[in-house]
Amino acid sequence: MSNAPVTPAPPATGYICRFCRLPSDAGGLSCPNCGAPVDVRAAVSDSGWVEQPAIKDMAKIQFGQSFCQVEGTLVPSADFALAAGEGVVFSHHTLLWTAPGTHLEPWAKGSFFNRMYAGMPVVLMRASGPGHVALSEDHPGEVVALPIPAGRAFLVREHAFLAASDSVDYTWQNSPVWLQVQKGNESEFEYPVGPYLDVFVAGGGSPGLLLLHCPGNLFVRDLQRGQAILVQPGSWVYADTSVTFGLHAEYPASGGVRWGSYDYRTVWMRLQGPGRVAVRSIFEKPERYAGLVGSSGMSLRRW
């Protein structure tokens, strides 16, 4: 099944959320699928990027018969009201509180048990209803709600995951972009977006909800087939699985320094459509890759 984005037919109101691409009746102040305001004016840059507005305080997002209410703005929390038989999966370190009677258990599904965060193993938990549970990261940012239609999947950078409905399947894949650099007498591999990418799939014929934590502002755009853009590797957040990844190096001539000098080389990540991509405004400063001796496939330009 193709994961290229498909615009659904609009409901009777004709309203389709420009951020999650799902229809709704537009009867409230926010989209019931992703929490984005329904009356916001699109902030579109000259290059086609659309800034996704932050989910408003106390906005509600529905999935199945359950609800998620986003509370706060600087370090927002996700407060889940879980219906009977429905659950949400999260990393153990994001748990704020849980109401009595809410069932908690380790979540063995997926591959996160072999993952590390800040040197500690990541343990996935599942909270099932009826009951309440609240989750939050421990640093400023925005909660990004990403509804996943049945049969669709998204690629997400490591450690952006906050929570997901238990109808979402998890897996991972090796990063498609890497560099081999020479350091002294030894060489080692560098991974601009991390050694792994997380894959979230809405399988079993049911849609799912994925929550991400994003420092700074989030910008999204749709790439047409064959259309490519360059982004800083540290800024990338998620993409459709139909998007392909690559690397690109720019070698500007500066002060007479030869083009091969790594001090004047900029490494970008190349994303090619079709599909939706998202980047964030706050990201790690890119490293200077000295002594480049190999890569996963890199285009370059000297000027």
Protein backbone atom coordinates (compact mmCIF):
# COMPACT_ATOMS: atom_id res chain seq x y z
CA MET A 1 0.00 0.00 0.00
CA SER A 2 1.35 3.44 -0.96
CA ASN A 3 2.05 5.90 1.86
CA ALA A 4 1.93 8.96 -0.41
CA PRO A 5 -0.39 11.55 1.14
CA VAL A 6 -3.99 11.45 -0.07
CA THR A 7 -6.36 14.36 0.60
CA PRO A 8 -9.62 12.98 2.00
CA ALA A 9 -12.99 14.09 0.74
CA PRO A 10 -14.27 17.08 2.71
CA PRO A 11 -17.29 16.73 5.02
CA ALA A 12 -20.51 18.62 4.44
CA THR A 13 -18.95 21.78 5.92
CA GLY A 14 -16.09 21.64 3.37
CA TYR A 15 -13.47 22.05 6.13
CA ILE A 16 -10.24 20.04 6.07
CA CYS A 17 -7.53 20.79 8.63
CA ARG A 18 -4.48 22.12 6.80
CA PHE A 19 -2.17 20.45 9.31
CA CYS A 20 -3.42 16.89 9.86
CA ARG A 21 -5.28 16.75 6.50
CA LEU A 22 -8.36 15.20 8.13
CA PRO A 23 -11.96 16.44 7.77
CA SER A 24 -14.09 17.67 10.66
CA ASP A 25 -17.28 19.65 11.20
CA ALA A 26 -15.33 22.78 12.26
CA GLY A 27 -17.84 23.25 15.06
CA GLY A 28 -15.26 23.92 17.77
CA LEU A 29 -12.28 26.21 18.26
CA SER A 30 -9.76 23.48 17.50
CA CYS A 31 -9.49 20.47 15.22
CA PRO A 32 -10.74 17.38 17.11
CA ASN A 33 -8.10 15.25 15.36
CA CYS A 34 -4.88 17.22 16.02
CA GLY A 35 -5.83 20.20 18.22
CA ALA A 36 -4.83 22.90 15.70
CA PRO A 37 -7.01 26.05 15.80
CA VAL A 38 -9.66 26.01 13.08
CA ASP A 39 -9.72 29.80 12.65
CA VAL A 40 -5.99 30.48 12.38
CA ARG A 41 -4.54 32.19 9.30
CA ALA A 42 -1.89 30.14 7.55
CA ALA A 43 1.65 31.44 8.05
CA VAL A 44 3.32 30.35 4.80
CA SER A 45 6.90 31.28 3.90
CA ASP A 46 8.02 32.14 0.37
CA SER A 47 9.54 28.66 0.12
CA GLY A 48 6.25 26.91 0.94
CA TRP A 49 6.69 26.07 4.63
CA VAL A 50 3.58 26.33 6.80
CA GLU A 51 4.02 27.03 10.51
CA GLN A 52 1.84 24.69 12.53
CA PRO A 53 0.34 26.65 15.44
CA ALA A 54 0.81 25.33 18.94
CA ILE A 55 -2.12 23.40 20.40
CA LYS A 56 -4.08 25.79 22.60
CA ASP A 57 -4.27 25.26 26.34
CA MET A 58 -7.14 22.88 27.26
CA ALA A 59 -7.74 21.81 23.64
CA LYS A 60 -9.24 18.31 23.34
CA ILE A 61 -8.25 15.66 20.80
CA GLN A 62 -10.41 12.57 20.27
CA PHE A 63 -9.20 9.10 19.35
CA GLY A 64 -11.65 6.24 19.44
CA GLN A 65 -13.89 6.84 22.46
CA SER A 66 -11.03 8.42 24.43
CA PHE A 67 -9.82 12.00 24.70
CA CYS A 68 -6.49 13.76 25.16
CA GLN A 69 -6.51 17.26 26.65
CA VAL A 70 -3.36 19.35 26.21
CA GLU A 71 -2.73 21.53 29.25
CA GLY A 72 -0.20 24.34 29.54
CA THR A 73 1.97 26.14 27.01
CA LEU A 74 5.64 26.30 28.05
CA VAL A 75 5.99 22.63 29.07
CA PRO A 76 2.56 21.24 28.10
CA SER A 77 1.19 17.99 29.47
CA ALA A 78 -1.10 15.49 27.77
CA ASP A 79 -4.01 14.45 30.02
CA PHE A 80 -5.71 11.29 28.72
CA ALA A 81 -9.28 10.29 29.60
CA LEU A 82 -9.26 6.65 28.54
CA ALA A 83 -12.41 4.71 27.69
CA ALA A 84 -12.80 1.07 28.67
CA GLY A 85 -10.78 -1.23 26.44
CA GLU A 86 -8.62 1.60 25.02
CA GLY A 87 -5.10 2.52 25.99
CA VAL A 88 -2.11 4.74 25.41
CA VAL A 89 1.58 3.82 25.23
CA PHE A 90 4.40 6.03 26.52
CA SER A 91 7.98 6.02 27.83
CA HIS A 92 8.19 5.52 31.59
CA HIS A 93 10.08 8.78 32.24
CA THR A 94 7.21 10.94 30.88
CA LEU A 95 4.60 9.79 33.45
CA LEU A 96 3.27 12.67 35.60
CA TRP A 97 0.37 11.05 37.44
CA THR A 98 -2.31 8.43 37.06
CA ALA A 99 -5.76 8.16 38.63
CA PRO A 100 -6.60 5.23 40.92
CA GLY A 101 -8.01 2.33 38.98
CA THR A 102 -6.11 3.05 35.77
CA HIS A 103 -4.28 -0.12 34.75
CA LEU A 104 -0.52 0.22 34.09
CA GLU A 105 1.66 -2.49 32.59
CA PRO A 106 4.93 -2.84 30.64
CA TRP A 107 4.41 -2.74 26.89
CA ALA A 108 6.33 -5.52 25.16
CA LYS A 109 5.03 -4.71 21.69
CA GLY A 110 7.55 -3.01 19.42
CA SER A 111 11.29 -2.55 19.80
CA PHE A 112 11.75 0.24 22.34
CA PHE A 113 12.99 -2.06 25.10
CA ASN A 114 16.41 -2.07 23.44
CA ARG A 115 16.62 1.73 23.26
CA MET A 116 18.59 4.12 25.48
CA TYR A 117 17.87 7.69 26.55
CA ALA A 118 20.48 9.72 28.47
CA GLY A 119 22.36 6.47 29.13
CA MET A 120 19.34 4.70 30.64
CA PRO A 121 17.14 2.02 29.02
CA VAL A 122 13.80 3.20 27.64
CA VAL A 123 10.89 1.23 29.10
CA LEU A 124 7.53 1.46 27.38
CA MET A 125 4.38 1.48 29.52
CA ARG A 126 0.72 1.05 28.61
CA ALA A 127 -2.12 2.71 30.48
CA SER A 128 -5.59 1.28 29.77
CA GLY A 129 -9.02 2.57 30.64
CA PRO A 130 -11.31 3.33 32.12
CA GLY A 131 -9.12 5.92 33.83
CA HIS A 132 -6.88 8.96 33.56
CA VAL A 133 -3.15 9.37 32.98
CA ALA A 134 -1.05 12.50 32.36
CA LEU A 135 2.28 12.66 30.52
CA SER A 136 4.87 15.36 29.88
CA GLU A 137 8.46 15.84 28.80
CA ASP A 138 10.85 17.64 31.16
CA HIS A 139 11.89 20.51 28.87
CA PRO A 140 10.09 23.32 27.01
CA GLY A 141 8.48 22.65 23.66
CA GLU A 142 5.20 21.95 21.90
CA VAL A 143 3.04 18.84 21.88
CA VAL A 144 2.42 17.88 18.25
CA ALA A 145 -0.58 15.66 17.53
CA LEU A 146 -0.17 13.50 14.44
CA PRO A 147 -3.28 11.43 13.56
CA ILE A 148 -2.36 8.33 11.53
CA PRO A 149 -5.05 7.07 9.13
CA ALA A 150 -5.52 3.30 8.92
CA GLY A 151 -2.77 1.68 6.87
CA ARG A 152 -0.51 4.75 6.91
CA ALA A 153 2.91 5.14 8.54
CA PHE A 154 5.34 7.91 9.50
CA LEU A 155 9.10 8.06 10.01
CA VAL A 156 10.09 10.00 13.15
CA ARG A 157 13.46 11.06 14.54
CA GLU A 158 14.68 9.42 17.74
CA HIS A 159 13.46 10.69 21.13
CA ALA A 160 10.65 12.87 19.69
CA PHE A 161 8.04 10.28 20.74
CA LEU A 162 5.76 11.28 23.65
CA ALA A 163 2.77 8.92 23.43
CA ALA A 164 0.60 6.94 21.04
CA SER A 165 -2.71 5.13 21.10
CA ASP A 166 -2.22 1.38 21.54
CA SER A 167 -3.61 0.78 18.03
CA VAL A 168 -0.30 2.08 16.65
CA ASP A 169 2.44 -0.44 15.88
CA TYR A 170 6.10 0.41 16.50
CA THR A 171 9.25 -0.61 14.75
CA TRP A 172 12.53 0.97 13.74
CA GLN A 173 14.92 1.05 10.84
CA ASN A 174 18.58 1.93 10.40
CA SER A 175 19.16 5.55 9.48
CA PRO A 176 19.40 6.01 5.69
CA VAL A 177 21.98 8.81 6.09
CA TRP A 178 25.46 8.34 7.54
CA LEU A 179 29.02 9.59 7.17
CA GLN A 180 32.35 7.85 7.64
CA VAL A 181 35.02 10.25 8.92
CA GLN A 182 38.73 9.88 9.53
CA LYS A 183 40.00 10.84 12.98
CA GLY A 184 43.72 10.30 13.31
CA ASN A 185 44.54 6.73 12.39
CA GLU A 186 40.99 5.51 12.86
CA SER A 187 37.68 6.05 11.12
CA GLU A 188 34.23 6.09 12.63
CA PHE A 189 30.62 6.52 11.53
CA GLU A 190 28.54 9.62 12.21
CA TYR A 191 24.75 9.74 11.99
CA PRO A 192 23.34 13.25 11.36
CA VAL A 193 19.78 12.24 12.45
CA GLY A 194 20.77 9.42 14.80
CA PRO A 195 21.54 5.77 14.05
CA TYR A 196 17.83 4.77 13.95
CA LEU A 197 14.51 6.15 12.73
CA ASP A 198 11.28 5.26 14.52
CA VAL A 199 8.43 3.92 12.39
CA PHE A 200 4.83 4.30 13.57
CA VAL A 201 2.13 2.39 11.67
CA ALA A 202 -1.65 2.41 12.09
CA GLY A 203 -2.26 -1.26 11.38
CA GLY A 204 -5.19 -3.58 11.87
CA GLY A 205 -7.59 -1.39 9.90
CA SER A 206 -7.86 1.20 12.69
CA PRO A 207 -6.56 4.78 12.78
CA GLY A 208 -4.19 5.88 15.53
CA LEU A 209 -2.92 8.98 17.30
CA LEU A 210 0.75 9.82 17.75
CA LEU A 211 1.98 12.61 20.05
CA LEU A 212 5.44 14.11 19.57
CA HIS A 213 7.38 16.64 21.64
CA CYS A 214 8.94 19.40 19.55
CA PRO A 215 11.29 22.11 20.89
CA GLY A 216 10.60 25.43 19.18
CA ASN A 217 8.11 25.88 16.33
CA LEU A 218 7.09 23.20 13.85
CA PHE A 219 6.95 23.81 10.09
CA VAL A 220 5.39 21.39 7.59
CA ARG A 221 5.14 21.18 3.81
CA ASP A 222 4.09 18.73 1.13
CA LEU A 223 6.67 17.69 -1.45
CA GLN A 224 5.52 16.78 -4.93
CA ARG A 225 6.89 13.72 -6.69
CA GLY A 226 10.54 14.35 -7.54
CA GLN A 227 10.66 17.64 -5.61
CA ALA A 228 13.65 17.89 -3.26
CA ILE A 229 14.66 20.29 -0.48
CA LEU A 230 17.71 20.71 1.77
CA VAL A 231 17.30 20.98 5.56
CA GLN A 232 19.63 20.96 8.54
CA PRO A 233 19.74 17.32 9.74
CA GLY A 234 19.09 18.32 13.35
CA SER A 235 15.90 20.16 12.41
CA TRP A 236 14.08 17.21 10.82
CA VAL A 237 11.15 15.83 12.89
CA TYR A 238 9.01 13.46 10.79
CA ALA A 239 8.10 12.48 7.23
CA ASP A 240 5.84 10.20 5.25
CA THR A 241 7.45 6.86 4.45
CA SER A 242 7.23 7.76 0.76
CA VAL A 243 9.89 10.47 1.28
CA THR A 244 13.48 9.48 0.41
CA PHE A 245 16.55 10.65 2.34
CA GLY A 246 20.01 11.66 1.20
CA LEU A 247 22.95 13.95 2.01
CA HIS A 248 24.30 17.00 0.22
CA ALA A 249 27.52 18.97 0.82
CA GLU A 250 28.18 22.59 -0.11
CA TYR A 251 31.79 23.70 -0.66
CA PRO A 252 31.89 27.50 -0.94
CA ALA A 253 35.12 29.25 -1.91
CA SER A 254 36.10 31.46 1.04
CA GLY A 255 39.20 33.57 1.42
CA GLY A 256 41.18 31.51 -1.03
CA VAL A 257 40.85 28.38 1.11
CA ARG A 258 40.71 25.25 -1.02
CA TRP A 259 37.29 23.67 -1.53
CA GLY A 260 38.30 20.41 0.12
CA SER A 261 38.77 22.04 3.52
CA TYR A 262 36.14 20.68 5.90
CA ASP A 263 36.07 23.99 7.82
CA TYR A 264 34.20 25.48 4.87
CA ARG A 265 31.91 22.56 4.13
CA THR A 266 28.22 22.45 5.07
CA VAL A 267 26.43 19.10 5.21
CA TRP A 268 22.68 19.13 4.56
CA MET A 269 20.02 16.43 4.54
CA ARG A 270 18.21 16.07 1.22
CA LEU A 271 14.51 15.12 1.32
CA GLN A 272 12.70 14.15 -1.87
CA GLY A 273 8.97 13.72 -2.38
CA PRO A 274 6.29 12.73 -2.69
CA GLY A 275 5.15 13.17 0.90
CA ARG A 276 4.80 15.42 3.92
CA VAL A 277 7.87 16.55 5.88
CA ALA A 278 8.23 18.55 9.12
CA VAL A 279 11.13 20.47 10.66
CA ARG A 280 11.59 22.34 13.93
CA SER A 281 13.09 25.76 14.61
CA ILE A 282 15.31 24.68 17.53
CA PHE A 283 17.88 21.98 16.87
CA GLU A 284 21.39 20.88 17.69
CA LYS A 285 24.27 22.75 16.09
CA PRO A 286 25.61 20.61 13.22
CA GLU A 287 29.00 19.01 13.72
CA ARG A 288 31.97 19.69 11.49
CA TYR A 289 32.79 16.38 9.86
CA ALA A 290 36.56 16.29 9.40
CA GLY A 291 38.28 13.89 7.02
CA LEU A 292 35.20 12.61 5.19
CA VAL A 293 36.08 9.23 3.65
CA GLY A 294 32.64 7.73 2.91
CA SER A 295 28.89 8.29 3.09
CA SER A 296 25.51 6.74 2.37
CA GLY A 297 25.52 8.63 -0.92
CA MET A 298 26.20 12.36 -1.04
CA SER A 299 25.75 14.95 -3.74
CA LEU A 300 27.95 18.04 -3.64
CA ARG A 301 28.34 21.49 -5.15
CA ARG A 302 31.44 23.70 -5.29
CA TRP A 303 31.05 27.40 -5.81
